Amino acid sequence: MNAPWPKLDFQEWAETAVALHLWTQIVGKVRLATTPWLNHSWQVPLYVTARGLGTSAMPYSGGIFDMEFDFVKHRLMARASDGRSAAWPLAPQSVAAFYAAVMTMLRDIGVEVAIHAMPNEIADPIPFAEDDRPRPYDAEAVQRFFQALVRIDRILKLFRTGFVGKASPVHFFWGGFDLAATRFSGRAAPPHSGGMPGLPDAVMREAYSHEVSSAGFWPGGDALPTPAFYSYAYPEPPGFRDSRVTAEAEFNPTLGEFVLAYDAVRTASDPEALLLDFLSTTYAAAATAGKWDREALERPLGIPGRVQPATPE
């Protein structure tokens, strides 16, 4: 993509981002309530689409349905396989109003579902139906956020092709409000200690049941107030944080992750190359320090229309 990467200033759209975070949780919880559990909670994320963020197909008694945040026309869509559809505008509104609208939309397309109507991974959560405070919606800021996701999703998917071991899809976790991709060594990990606000420890232990190197994009929030890329290893192997990685990145000891500022990528002469280098060098740091079988797990990045070798070369 030759178009410049969009400028993102979290403080300029922080209130909209918080609202959107909560709205994506409501839709994500519909997927959680209707889709069989898949390892590491892979059944719950959203995915970057040509219009915004979507659920992919979910089962219901009449067939399948999906939901999509359309950040082009700024509306939420719900579509069923029998042809019924419903829409709701993305505009200034309370979380309670959005929650009620989602439930009405689903009934209108023939889907009956009940969700756990409480936010996850948020301190001092308020039940969706009781959160009646007016929330803003900055459509231009959301469009910039979406255009950033489009660019990042492409690079994460390219990075994913260079690994033959178990690897997650590139997906948007509505709990943490981040776009992420994860590689696995194939070995079991020590039980995770849990402790995430509003998230059962059993979910965390299942999510981190095996050794991982995980990377992604975080648009900003309380823990890190500026948009950034991150990369971490679980469990963190000795020497990982001292590894040599992309020069513009640094290890954040509070977060326990390597962090690369979004602005460093956005303003680089070749943003895609810088991001790919960050993903590659931080993964290599985790795999080397963790003594992964890199020769068996890695291969060259994929090329459209060209068959990958059956075994790593």
C-alpha atoms as a PDB file:
ATOM      1  CA  MET A   1       0.000   0.000   0.000  1.00  0.00           C
ATOM      2  CA  ASN A   2       1.509   3.280  -1.110  1.00  0.00           C
ATOM      3  CA  ALA A   3      -0.871   5.564   0.803  1.00  0.00           C
ATOM      4  CA  PRO A   4       0.632   7.086   3.968  1.00  0.00           C
ATOM      5  CA  TRP A   5      -0.177   5.382   7.236  1.00  0.00           C
ATOM      6  CA  PRO A   6      -2.801   7.424   9.148  1.00  0.00           C
ATOM      7  CA  LYS A   7      -1.865   9.521  12.140  1.00  0.00           C
ATOM      8  CA  LEU A   8      -3.213   8.100  15.409  1.00  0.00           C
ATOM      9  CA  ASP A   9      -3.330  10.152  18.586  1.00  0.00           C
ATOM     10  CA  PHE A  10      -5.080   8.128  21.262  1.00  0.00           C
ATOM     11  CA  GLN A  11      -5.797  11.170  23.417  1.00  0.00           C
ATOM     12  CA  GLU A  12      -7.724  12.794  20.563  1.00  0.00           C
ATOM     13  CA  TRP A  13     -10.223   9.944  20.347  1.00  0.00           C
ATOM     14  CA  ALA A  14      -9.851   8.275  23.738  1.00  0.00           C
ATOM     15  CA  GLU A  15     -13.535   8.547  24.692  1.00  0.00           C
ATOM     16  CA  THR A  16     -14.631   7.184  21.330  1.00  0.00           C
ATOM     17  CA  ALA A  17     -12.090   4.359  21.640  1.00  0.00           C
ATOM     18  CA  VAL A  18     -13.438   3.419  25.075  1.00  0.00           C
ATOM     19  CA  ALA A  19     -16.984   3.364  23.697  1.00  0.00           C
ATOM     20  CA  LEU A  20     -15.937   1.291  20.687  1.00  0.00           C
ATOM     21  CA  HIS A  21     -14.063  -1.096  22.964  1.00  0.00           C
ATOM     22  CA  LEU A  22     -17.250  -1.736  24.949  1.00  0.00           C
ATOM     23  CA  TRP A  23     -19.377  -2.062  21.797  1.00  0.00           C
ATOM     24  CA  THR A  24     -16.986  -4.646  20.334  1.00  0.00           C
ATOM     25  CA  GLN A  25     -17.248  -6.573  23.595  1.00  0.00           C
ATOM     26  CA  ILE A  26     -21.025  -6.794  23.223  1.00  0.00           C
ATOM     27  CA  VAL A  27     -20.735  -8.172  19.690  1.00  0.00           C
ATOM     28  CA  GLY A  28     -17.818 -10.405  20.669  1.00  0.00           C
ATOM     29  CA  LYS A  29     -19.850 -11.887  23.492  1.00  0.00           C
ATOM     30  CA  VAL A  30     -22.511 -12.865  20.970  1.00  0.00           C
ATOM     31  CA  ARG A  31     -19.831 -14.914  19.237  1.00  0.00           C
ATOM     32  CA  LEU A  32     -18.728 -16.334  22.594  1.00  0.00           C
ATOM     33  CA  ALA A  33     -22.322 -17.411  23.375  1.00  0.00           C
ATOM     34  CA  THR A  34     -22.975 -19.069  20.013  1.00  0.00           C
ATOM     35  CA  THR A  35     -19.674 -20.649  18.927  1.00  0.00           C
ATOM     36  CA  PRO A  36     -18.099 -23.858  20.332  1.00  0.00           C
ATOM     37  CA  TRP A  37     -14.954 -23.291  22.368  1.00  0.00           C
ATOM     38  CA  LEU A  38     -11.725 -23.436  20.404  1.00  0.00           C
ATOM     39  CA  ASN A  39      -8.242 -23.641  21.913  1.00  0.00           C
ATOM     40  CA  HIS A  40      -6.879 -20.385  23.321  1.00  0.00           C
ATOM     41  CA  SER A  41     -10.286 -18.664  22.912  1.00  0.00           C
ATOM     42  CA  TRP A  42      -9.813 -18.530  19.149  1.00  0.00           C
ATOM     43  CA  GLN A  43     -13.582 -18.815  18.724  1.00  0.00           C
ATOM     44  CA  VAL A  44     -14.260 -15.329  20.100  1.00  0.00           C
ATOM     45  CA  PRO A  45     -12.140 -12.689  18.268  1.00  0.00           C
ATOM     46  CA  LEU A  46     -13.183 -10.358  15.489  1.00  0.00           C
ATOM     47  CA  TYR A  47     -11.369 -10.074  12.151  1.00  0.00           C
ATOM     48  CA  VAL A  48     -10.343  -7.136   9.980  1.00  0.00           C
ATOM     49  CA  THR A  49     -12.612  -6.963   6.929  1.00  0.00           C
ATOM     50  CA  ALA A  50     -12.782  -4.677   3.899  1.00  0.00           C
ATOM     51  CA  ARG A  51     -15.316  -2.590   5.852  1.00  0.00           C
ATOM     52  CA  GLY A  52     -14.183  -2.778   9.462  1.00  0.00           C
ATOM     53  CA  LEU A  53     -14.313  -5.608  12.003  1.00  0.00           C
ATOM     54  CA  GLY A  54     -16.446  -8.734  11.616  1.00  0.00           C
ATOM     55  CA  THR A  55     -17.281 -11.910  13.491  1.00  0.00           C
ATOM     56  CA  SER A  56     -17.235 -14.395  10.579  1.00  0.00           C
ATOM     57  CA  ALA A  57     -20.094 -16.935  10.447  1.00  0.00           C
ATOM     58  CA  MET A  58     -21.739 -18.064  13.687  1.00  0.00           C
ATOM     59  CA  PRO A  59     -24.248 -20.926  14.031  1.00  0.00           C
ATOM     60  CA  TYR A  60     -27.869 -20.532  15.123  1.00  0.00           C
ATOM     61  CA  SER A  61     -30.968 -22.697  14.841  1.00  0.00           C
ATOM     62  CA  GLY A  62     -31.862 -21.399  11.380  1.00  0.00           C
ATOM     63  CA  GLY A  63     -28.416 -21.661   9.831  1.00  0.00           C
ATOM     64  CA  ILE A  64     -25.574 -19.165  10.215  1.00  0.00           C
ATOM     65  CA  PHE A  65     -25.338 -15.420  10.841  1.00  0.00           C
ATOM     66  CA  ASP A  66     -22.632 -12.825  11.140  1.00  0.00           C
ATOM     67  CA  MET A  67     -22.118  -9.306  12.498  1.00  0.00           C
ATOM     68  CA  GLU A  68     -19.849  -6.582  11.191  1.00  0.00           C
ATOM     69  CA  PHE A  69     -18.773  -3.136  12.309  1.00  0.00           C
ATOM     70  CA  ASP A  70     -18.864  -1.165   9.061  1.00  0.00           C
ATOM     71  CA  PHE A  71     -16.415   1.708   9.576  1.00  0.00           C
ATOM     72  CA  VAL A  72     -17.031   3.023   6.045  1.00  0.00           C
ATOM     73  CA  LYS A  73     -20.750   3.767   6.447  1.00  0.00           C
ATOM     74  CA  HIS A  74     -20.482   3.682  10.255  1.00  0.00           C
ATOM     75  CA  ARG A  75     -23.103   1.124  11.087  1.00  0.00           C
ATOM     76  CA  LEU A  76     -23.340  -2.285  12.715  1.00  0.00           C
ATOM     77  CA  MET A  77     -24.697  -5.000  10.424  1.00  0.00           C
ATOM     78  CA  ALA A  78     -26.286  -8.329  11.344  1.00  0.00           C
ATOM     79  CA  ARG A  79     -26.972 -10.820   8.538  1.00  0.00           C
ATOM     80  CA  ALA A  80     -28.540 -14.272   8.541  1.00  0.00           C
ATOM     81  CA  SER A  81     -28.224 -17.021   5.943  1.00  0.00           C
ATOM     82  CA  ASP A  82     -31.991 -16.919   5.286  1.00  0.00           C
ATOM     83  CA  GLY A  83     -31.632 -13.430   3.853  1.00  0.00           C
ATOM     84  CA  ARG A  84     -32.744 -11.371   6.837  1.00  0.00           C
ATOM     85  CA  SER A  85     -30.566  -8.453   7.908  1.00  0.00           C
ATOM     86  CA  ALA A  86     -30.593  -5.538  10.320  1.00  0.00           C
ATOM     87  CA  ALA A  87     -28.470  -2.422  10.838  1.00  0.00           C
ATOM     88  CA  TRP A  88     -27.812   0.098  13.584  1.00  0.00           C
ATOM     89  CA  PRO A  89     -25.900   3.387  13.250  1.00  0.00           C
ATOM     90  CA  LEU A  90     -22.513   3.847  14.881  1.00  0.00           C
ATOM     91  CA  ALA A  91     -23.078   7.290  16.362  1.00  0.00           C
ATOM     92  CA  PRO A  92     -22.988   9.029  19.748  1.00  0.00           C
ATOM     93  CA  GLN A  93     -24.966   6.821  22.150  1.00  0.00           C
ATOM     94  CA  SER A  94     -24.694   5.082  25.486  1.00  0.00           C
ATOM     95  CA  VAL A  95     -23.449   1.547  25.934  1.00  0.00           C
ATOM     96  CA  ALA A  96     -26.897   0.641  27.270  1.00  0.00           C
ATOM     97  CA  ALA A  97     -28.564   1.915  24.086  1.00  0.00           C
ATOM     98  CA  PHE A  98     -26.094   0.033  21.897  1.00  0.00           C
ATOM     99  CA  TYR A  99     -26.589  -3.172  23.893  1.00  0.00           C
ATOM    100  CA  ALA A 100     -30.376  -2.918  23.575  1.00  0.00           C
ATOM    101  CA  ALA A 101     -30.028  -2.269  19.835  1.00  0.00           C
ATOM    102  CA  VAL A 102     -27.825  -5.349  19.341  1.00  0.00           C
ATOM    103  CA  MET A 103     -30.328  -7.586  21.117  1.00  0.00           C
ATOM    104  CA  THR A 104     -33.173  -6.150  19.015  1.00  0.00           C
ATOM    105  CA  MET A 105     -31.190  -6.616  15.783  1.00  0.00           C
ATOM    106  CA  LEU A 106     -30.552 -10.257  16.595  1.00  0.00           C
ATOM    107  CA  ARG A 107     -34.219 -10.939  17.336  1.00  0.00           C
ATOM    108  CA  ASP A 108     -35.146  -9.211  14.062  1.00  0.00           C
ATOM    109  CA  ILE A 109     -33.023 -11.711  12.088  1.00  0.00           C
ATOM    110  CA  GLY A 110     -34.305 -14.682  14.086  1.00  0.00           C
ATOM    111  CA  VAL A 111     -31.397 -15.173  16.473  1.00  0.00           C
ATOM    112  CA  GLU A 112     -32.192 -15.729  20.152  1.00  0.00           C
ATOM    113  CA  VAL A 113     -29.100 -15.414  22.328  1.00  0.00           C
ATOM    114  CA  ALA A 114     -28.247 -14.365  25.875  1.00  0.00           C
ATOM    115  CA  ILE A 115     -24.794 -13.053  26.712  1.00  0.00           C
ATOM    116  CA  HIS A 116     -22.898 -12.397  29.921  1.00  0.00           C
ATOM    117  CA  ALA A 117     -23.643  -8.686  29.815  1.00  0.00           C
ATOM    118  CA  MET A 118     -20.620  -7.464  31.773  1.00  0.00           C
ATOM    119  CA  PRO A 119     -17.358  -6.076  30.325  1.00  0.00           C
ATOM    120  CA  ASN A 120     -14.169  -8.146  30.549  1.00  0.00           C
ATOM    121  CA  GLU A 121     -10.565  -7.035  31.145  1.00  0.00           C
ATOM    122  CA  ILE A 122     -11.759  -3.618  32.350  1.00  0.00           C
ATOM    123  CA  ALA A 123     -11.336  -2.291  35.877  1.00  0.00           C
ATOM    124  CA  ASP A 124     -14.561  -1.413  37.746  1.00  0.00           C
ATOM    125  CA  PRO A 125     -16.888  -2.659  34.995  1.00  0.00           C
ATOM    126  CA  ILE A 126     -20.480  -1.515  34.662  1.00  0.00           C
ATOM    127  CA  PRO A 127     -23.110  -3.924  33.287  1.00  0.00           C
ATOM    128  CA  PHE A 128     -23.903  -3.020  29.684  1.00  0.00           C
ATOM    129  CA  ALA A 129     -27.596  -2.449  30.391  1.00  0.00           C
ATOM    130  CA  GLU A 130     -26.782  -0.008  33.201  1.00  0.00           C
ATOM    131  CA  ASP A 131     -24.097   2.027  31.414  1.00  0.00           C
ATOM    132  CA  ASP A 132     -26.330   4.880  30.286  1.00  0.00           C
ATOM    133  CA  ARG A 133     -23.695   7.631  30.167  1.00  0.00           C
ATOM    134  CA  PRO A 134     -23.647   9.391  26.777  1.00  0.00           C
ATOM    135  CA  ARG A 135     -20.667   8.283  24.673  1.00  0.00           C
ATOM    136  CA  PRO A 136     -19.161  10.176  21.720  1.00  0.00           C
ATOM    137  CA  TYR A 137     -18.400   8.714  18.310  1.00  0.00           C
ATOM    138  CA  ASP A 138     -15.700  10.415  16.267  1.00  0.00           C
ATOM    139  CA  ALA A 139     -16.245   8.888  12.829  1.00  0.00           C
ATOM    140  CA  GLU A 140     -13.069  10.363  11.335  1.00  0.00           C
ATOM    141  CA  ALA A 141     -10.913   8.981  14.155  1.00  0.00           C
ATOM    142  CA  VAL A 142     -12.531   5.559  13.796  1.00  0.00           C
ATOM    143  CA  GLN A 143     -11.844   5.638  10.050  1.00  0.00           C
ATOM    144  CA  ARG A 144      -8.151   6.387  10.741  1.00  0.00           C
ATOM    145  CA  PHE A 145      -8.029   3.538  13.248  1.00  0.00           C
ATOM    146  CA  PHE A 146      -9.578   1.218  10.673  1.00  0.00           C
ATOM    147  CA  GLN A 147      -7.086   2.229   7.980  1.00  0.00           C
ATOM    148  CA  ALA A 148      -4.258   1.507  10.417  1.00  0.00           C
ATOM    149  CA  LEU A 149      -5.735  -1.944  11.108  1.00  0.00           C
ATOM    150  CA  VAL A 150      -5.929  -2.626   7.364  1.00  0.00           C
ATOM    151  CA  ARG A 151      -2.212  -1.987   6.964  1.00  0.00           C
ATOM    152  CA  ILE A 152      -1.197  -3.863  10.093  1.00  0.00           C
ATOM    153  CA  ASP A 153      -3.393  -6.873   9.308  1.00  0.00           C
ATOM    154  CA  ARG A 154      -1.635  -7.280   5.939  1.00  0.00           C
ATOM    155  CA  ILE A 155       1.817  -7.392   7.541  1.00  0.00           C
ATOM    156  CA  LEU A 156       0.793  -9.724  10.368  1.00  0.00           C
ATOM    157  CA  LYS A 157      -0.677 -12.115   7.808  1.00  0.00           C
ATOM    158  CA  LEU A 158       2.517 -11.987   5.761  1.00  0.00           C
ATOM    159  CA  PHE A 159       4.580 -12.650   8.892  1.00  0.00           C
ATOM    160  CA  ARG A 160       2.335 -15.628   9.719  1.00  0.00           C
ATOM    161  CA  THR A 161       3.336 -17.379   6.475  1.00  0.00           C
ATOM    162  CA  GLY A 162       6.929 -17.862   7.617  1.00  0.00           C
ATOM    163  CA  PHE A 163       6.046 -20.475  10.234  1.00  0.00           C
ATOM    164  CA  VAL A 164       5.000 -24.117   9.821  1.00  0.00           C
ATOM    165  CA  GLY A 165       4.275 -24.771  13.483  1.00  0.00           C
ATOM    166  CA  LYS A 166       1.000 -24.045  15.235  1.00  0.00           C
ATOM    167  CA  ALA A 167       0.068 -20.404  14.739  1.00  0.00           C
ATOM    168  CA  SER A 168      -3.058 -18.405  15.466  1.00  0.00           C
ATOM    169  CA  PRO A 169      -5.048 -16.527  12.856  1.00  0.00           C
ATOM    170  CA  VAL A 170      -4.556 -12.758  12.846  1.00  0.00           C
ATOM    171  CA  HIS A 171      -7.445 -11.677  15.019  1.00  0.00           C
ATOM    172  CA  PHE A 172      -8.799  -8.750  17.015  1.00  0.00           C
ATOM    173  CA  PHE A 173      -9.363  -9.574  20.669  1.00  0.00           C
ATOM    174  CA  TRP A 174     -12.197  -7.425  21.962  1.00  0.00           C
ATOM    175  CA  GLY A 175     -11.185  -8.055  25.568  1.00  0.00           C
ATOM    176  CA  GLY A 176      -7.857  -6.266  25.216  1.00  0.00           C
ATOM    177  CA  PHE A 177      -8.864  -4.252  22.118  1.00  0.00           C
ATOM    178  CA  ASP A 178      -5.783  -5.367  20.207  1.00  0.00           C
ATOM    179  CA  LEU A 179      -4.917  -7.036  16.906  1.00  0.00           C
ATOM    180  CA  ALA A 180      -2.679 -10.040  17.514  1.00  0.00           C
ATOM    181  CA  ALA A 181      -0.942 -13.107  16.072  1.00  0.00           C
ATOM    182  CA  THR A 182       0.706 -15.882  18.070  1.00  0.00           C
ATOM    183  CA  ARG A 183       3.263 -18.608  17.330  1.00  0.00           C
ATOM    184  CA  PHE A 184       3.684 -21.758  19.430  1.00  0.00           C
ATOM    185  CA  SER A 185       6.807 -23.786  20.145  1.00  0.00           C
ATOM    186  CA  GLY A 186       4.793 -27.002  20.532  1.00  0.00           C
ATOM    187  CA  ARG A 187       5.717 -27.451  24.185  1.00  0.00           C
ATOM    188  CA  ALA A 188       3.466 -27.104  27.225  1.00  0.00           C
ATOM    189  CA  ALA A 189       3.913 -24.058  29.471  1.00  0.00           C
ATOM    190  CA  PRO A 190       3.683 -23.728  33.257  1.00  0.00           C
ATOM    191  CA  PRO A 191       0.181 -22.797  34.480  1.00  0.00           C
ATOM    192  CA  HIS A 192      -0.561 -19.091  34.098  1.00  0.00           C
ATOM    193  CA  SER A 193      -1.191 -17.217  37.346  1.00  0.00           C
ATOM    194  CA  GLY A 194      -4.250 -15.407  35.970  1.00  0.00           C
ATOM    195  CA  GLY A 195      -5.219 -12.153  37.665  1.00  0.00           C
ATOM    196  CA  MET A 196      -6.699 -10.308  34.666  1.00  0.00           C
ATOM    197  CA  PRO A 197      -9.609  -8.053  35.781  1.00  0.00           C
ATOM    198  CA  GLY A 198     -12.979  -9.445  34.780  1.00  0.00           C
ATOM    199  CA  LEU A 199     -11.519 -12.593  33.201  1.00  0.00           C
ATOM    200  CA  PRO A 200     -11.686 -16.042  34.839  1.00  0.00           C
ATOM    201  CA  ASP A 201      -8.278 -17.487  35.675  1.00  0.00           C
ATOM    202  CA  ALA A 202      -9.309 -20.677  33.871  1.00  0.00           C
ATOM    203  CA  VAL A 203      -9.524 -18.723  30.613  1.00  0.00           C
ATOM    204  CA  MET A 204      -6.016 -17.331  31.088  1.00  0.00           C
ATOM    205  CA  ARG A 205      -4.592 -20.735  31.964  1.00  0.00           C
ATOM    206  CA  GLU A 206      -6.135 -22.285  28.851  1.00  0.00           C
ATOM    207  CA  ALA A 207      -4.985 -19.374  26.670  1.00  0.00           C
ATOM    208  CA  TYR A 208      -1.382 -19.774  27.837  1.00  0.00           C
ATOM    209  CA  SER A 209      -1.301 -23.568  28.166  1.00  0.00           C
ATOM    210  CA  HIS A 210       1.634 -23.754  25.728  1.00  0.00           C
ATOM    211  CA  GLU A 211       4.778 -21.723  25.068  1.00  0.00           C
ATOM    212  CA  VAL A 212       4.126 -18.739  22.825  1.00  0.00           C
ATOM    213  CA  SER A 213       5.679 -15.808  21.065  1.00  0.00           C
ATOM    214  CA  SER A 214       2.891 -13.292  20.545  1.00  0.00           C
ATOM    215  CA  ALA A 215       2.871  -9.917  18.810  1.00  0.00           C
ATOM    216  CA  GLY A 216       0.297  -7.347  17.873  1.00  0.00           C
ATOM    217  CA  PHE A 217      -0.981  -3.796  17.859  1.00  0.00           C
ATOM    218  CA  TRP A 218      -2.495  -1.818  20.725  1.00  0.00           C
ATOM    219  CA  PRO A 219      -4.179   1.548  19.893  1.00  0.00           C
ATOM    220  CA  GLY A 220      -3.614   2.998  23.357  1.00  0.00           C
ATOM    221  CA  GLY A 221      -5.155   2.991  26.813  1.00  0.00           C
ATOM    222  CA  ASP A 222      -4.350   3.294  30.503  1.00  0.00           C
ATOM    223  CA  ALA A 223      -1.426   0.850  30.466  1.00  0.00           C
ATOM    224  CA  LEU A 224       0.218   2.466  27.439  1.00  0.00           C
ATOM    225  CA  PRO A 225      -1.307   5.822  26.410  1.00  0.00           C
ATOM    226  CA  THR A 226       0.081   5.845  22.870  1.00  0.00           C
ATOM    227  CA  PRO A 227      -0.533   3.423  19.985  1.00  0.00           C
ATOM    228  CA  ALA A 228       2.201   0.827  19.756  1.00  0.00           C
ATOM    229  CA  PHE A 229       3.219  -2.600  18.550  1.00  0.00           C
ATOM    230  CA  TYR A 230       4.142  -5.192  21.157  1.00  0.00           C
ATOM    231  CA  SER A 231       5.828  -8.586  21.334  1.00  0.00           C
ATOM    232  CA  TYR A 232       6.213 -10.911  24.299  1.00  0.00           C
ATOM    233  CA  ALA A 233       7.018 -14.497  25.176  1.00  0.00           C
ATOM    234  CA  TYR A 234       5.250 -16.751  27.667  1.00  0.00           C
ATOM    235  CA  PRO A 235       6.893 -18.004  29.713  1.00  0.00           C
ATOM    236  CA  GLU A 236       9.594 -15.368  29.326  1.00  0.00           C
ATOM    237  CA  PRO A 237      12.848 -17.280  28.770  1.00  0.00           C
ATOM    238  CA  PRO A 238      16.094 -16.113  30.389  1.00  0.00           C
ATOM    239  CA  GLY A 239      17.850 -13.502  28.277  1.00  0.00           C
ATOM    240  CA  PHE A 240      14.761 -12.603  26.203  1.00  0.00           C
ATOM    241  CA  ARG A 241      14.475  -9.011  27.389  1.00  0.00           C
ATOM    242  CA  ASP A 242      18.164  -8.403  26.752  1.00  0.00           C
ATOM    243  CA  SER A 243      18.031  -9.612  23.156  1.00  0.00           C
ATOM    244  CA  ARG A 244      18.989  -7.412  20.233  1.00  0.00           C
ATOM    245  CA  VAL A 245      15.877  -6.485  18.247  1.00  0.00           C
ATOM    246  CA  THR A 246      14.758  -3.642  15.958  1.00  0.00           C
ATOM    247  CA  ALA A 247      16.695  -0.541  16.978  1.00  0.00           C
ATOM    248  CA  GLU A 248      13.569   1.609  17.362  1.00  0.00           C
ATOM    249  CA  ALA A 249      12.013  -0.857  19.847  1.00  0.00           C
ATOM    250  CA  GLU A 250      12.644  -1.161  23.552  1.00  0.00           C
ATOM    251  CA  PHE A 251      11.707  -3.594  26.321  1.00  0.00           C
ATOM    252  CA  ASN A 252       9.079  -2.254  28.725  1.00  0.00           C
ATOM    253  CA  PRO A 253       9.738  -3.977  32.083  1.00  0.00           C
ATOM    254  CA  THR A 254       6.336  -2.966  33.471  1.00  0.00           C
ATOM    255  CA  LEU A 255       4.473  -4.625  30.627  1.00  0.00           C
ATOM    256  CA  GLY A 256       7.041  -7.388  30.162  1.00  0.00           C
ATOM    257  CA  GLU A 257       7.037  -6.780  26.401  1.00  0.00           C
ATOM    258  CA  PHE A 258       9.070  -5.280  23.616  1.00  0.00           C
ATOM    259  CA  VAL A 259       7.304  -2.138  22.405  1.00  0.00           C
ATOM    260  CA  LEU A 260       7.627  -0.236  19.131  1.00  0.00           C
ATOM    261  CA  ALA A 261       5.803   3.080  18.825  1.00  0.00           C
ATOM    262  CA  TYR A 262       3.231   3.244  16.038  1.00  0.00           C
ATOM    263  CA  ASP A 263       4.598   6.653  15.066  1.00  0.00           C
ATOM    264  CA  ALA A 264       8.039   5.154  14.492  1.00  0.00           C
ATOM    265  CA  VAL A 265       6.485   2.828  11.934  1.00  0.00           C
ATOM    266  CA  ARG A 266       4.149   5.429  10.444  1.00  0.00           C
ATOM    267  CA  THR A 267       6.951   7.906   9.781  1.00  0.00           C
ATOM    268  CA  ALA A 268       9.532   5.366   8.579  1.00  0.00           C
ATOM    269  CA  SER A 269      10.670   5.462   4.962  1.00  0.00           C
ATOM    270  CA  ASP A 270       9.318   1.904   4.631  1.00  0.00           C
ATOM    271  CA  PRO A 271       6.708   1.287   7.362  1.00  0.00           C
ATOM    272  CA  GLU A 272       5.956  -2.279   6.275  1.00  0.00           C
ATOM    273  CA  ALA A 273       9.624  -3.275   6.348  1.00  0.00           C
ATOM    274  CA  LEU A 274      10.152  -1.776   9.794  1.00  0.00           C
ATOM    275  CA  LEU A 275       7.110  -3.536  11.228  1.00  0.00           C
ATOM    276  CA  LEU A 276       8.107  -6.846   9.663  1.00  0.00           C
ATOM    277  CA  ASP A 277      11.610  -6.469  11.119  1.00  0.00           C
ATOM    278  CA  PHE A 278      10.133  -5.865  14.575  1.00  0.00           C
ATOM    279  CA  LEU A 279       7.935  -8.943  14.311  1.00  0.00           C
ATOM    280  CA  SER A 280      10.795 -11.068  13.020  1.00  0.00           C
ATOM    281  CA  THR A 281      13.505  -9.976  15.453  1.00  0.00           C
ATOM    282  CA  THR A 282      11.321 -10.185  18.567  1.00  0.00           C
ATOM    283  CA  TYR A 283      10.080 -13.627  17.551  1.00  0.00           C
ATOM    284  CA  ALA A 284      13.691 -14.706  16.944  1.00  0.00           C
ATOM    285  CA  ALA A 285      14.605 -13.397  20.393  1.00  0.00           C
ATOM    286  CA  ALA A 286      11.846 -15.485  21.993  1.00  0.00           C
ATOM    287  CA  ALA A 287      12.574 -18.607  19.930  1.00  0.00           C
ATOM    288  CA  THR A 288      16.331 -18.451  20.448  1.00  0.00           C
ATOM    289  CA  ALA A 289      16.173 -17.717  24.173  1.00  0.00           C
ATOM    290  CA  GLY A 290      13.465 -20.348  24.601  1.00  0.00           C
ATOM    291  CA  LYS A 291      15.407 -22.957  22.611  1.00  0.00           C
ATOM    292  CA  TRP A 292      12.632 -23.594  20.093  1.00  0.00           C
ATOM    293  CA  ASP A 293      13.332 -26.004  17.232  1.00  0.00           C
ATOM    294  CA  ARG A 294      13.630 -23.134  14.775  1.00  0.00           C
ATOM    295  CA  GLU A 295      14.957 -25.236  11.897  1.00  0.00           C
ATOM    296  CA  ALA A 296      11.795 -27.363  11.944  1.00  0.00           C
ATOM    297  CA  LEU A 297       9.349 -24.510  12.570  1.00  0.00           C
ATOM    298  CA  GLU A 298      10.413 -21.762  10.164  1.00  0.00           C
ATOM    299  CA  ARG A 299      10.358 -21.251   6.416  1.00  0.00           C
ATOM    300  CA  PRO A 300      10.499 -18.280   4.007  1.00  0.00           C
ATOM    301  CA  LEU A 301       7.614 -15.851   3.846  1.00  0.00           C
ATOM    302  CA  GLY A 302       4.872 -16.850   1.451  1.00  0.00           C
ATOM    303  CA  ILE A 303       4.529 -15.434  -2.069  1.00  0.00           C
ATOM    304  CA  PRO A 304       1.105 -15.163  -3.749  1.00  0.00           C
ATOM    305  CA  GLY A 305       0.516 -17.982  -6.250  1.00  0.00           C
ATOM    306  CA  ARG A 306       3.712 -19.855  -5.390  1.00  0.00           C
ATOM    307  CA  VAL A 307       3.498 -23.181  -3.554  1.00  0.00           C
ATOM    308  CA  GLN A 308       5.503 -23.279  -0.327  1.00  0.00           C
ATOM    309  CA  PRO A 309       8.010 -26.120   0.087  1.00  0.00           C
ATOM    310  CA  ALA A 310       6.584 -29.120   1.945  1.00  0.00           C
ATOM    311  CA  THR A 311       9.384 -28.907   4.498  1.00  0.00           C
ATOM    312  CA  PRO A 312      11.425 -25.926   5.709  1.00  0.00           C
ATOM    313  CA  GLU A 313      14.422 -25.196   3.501  1.00  0.00           C
END
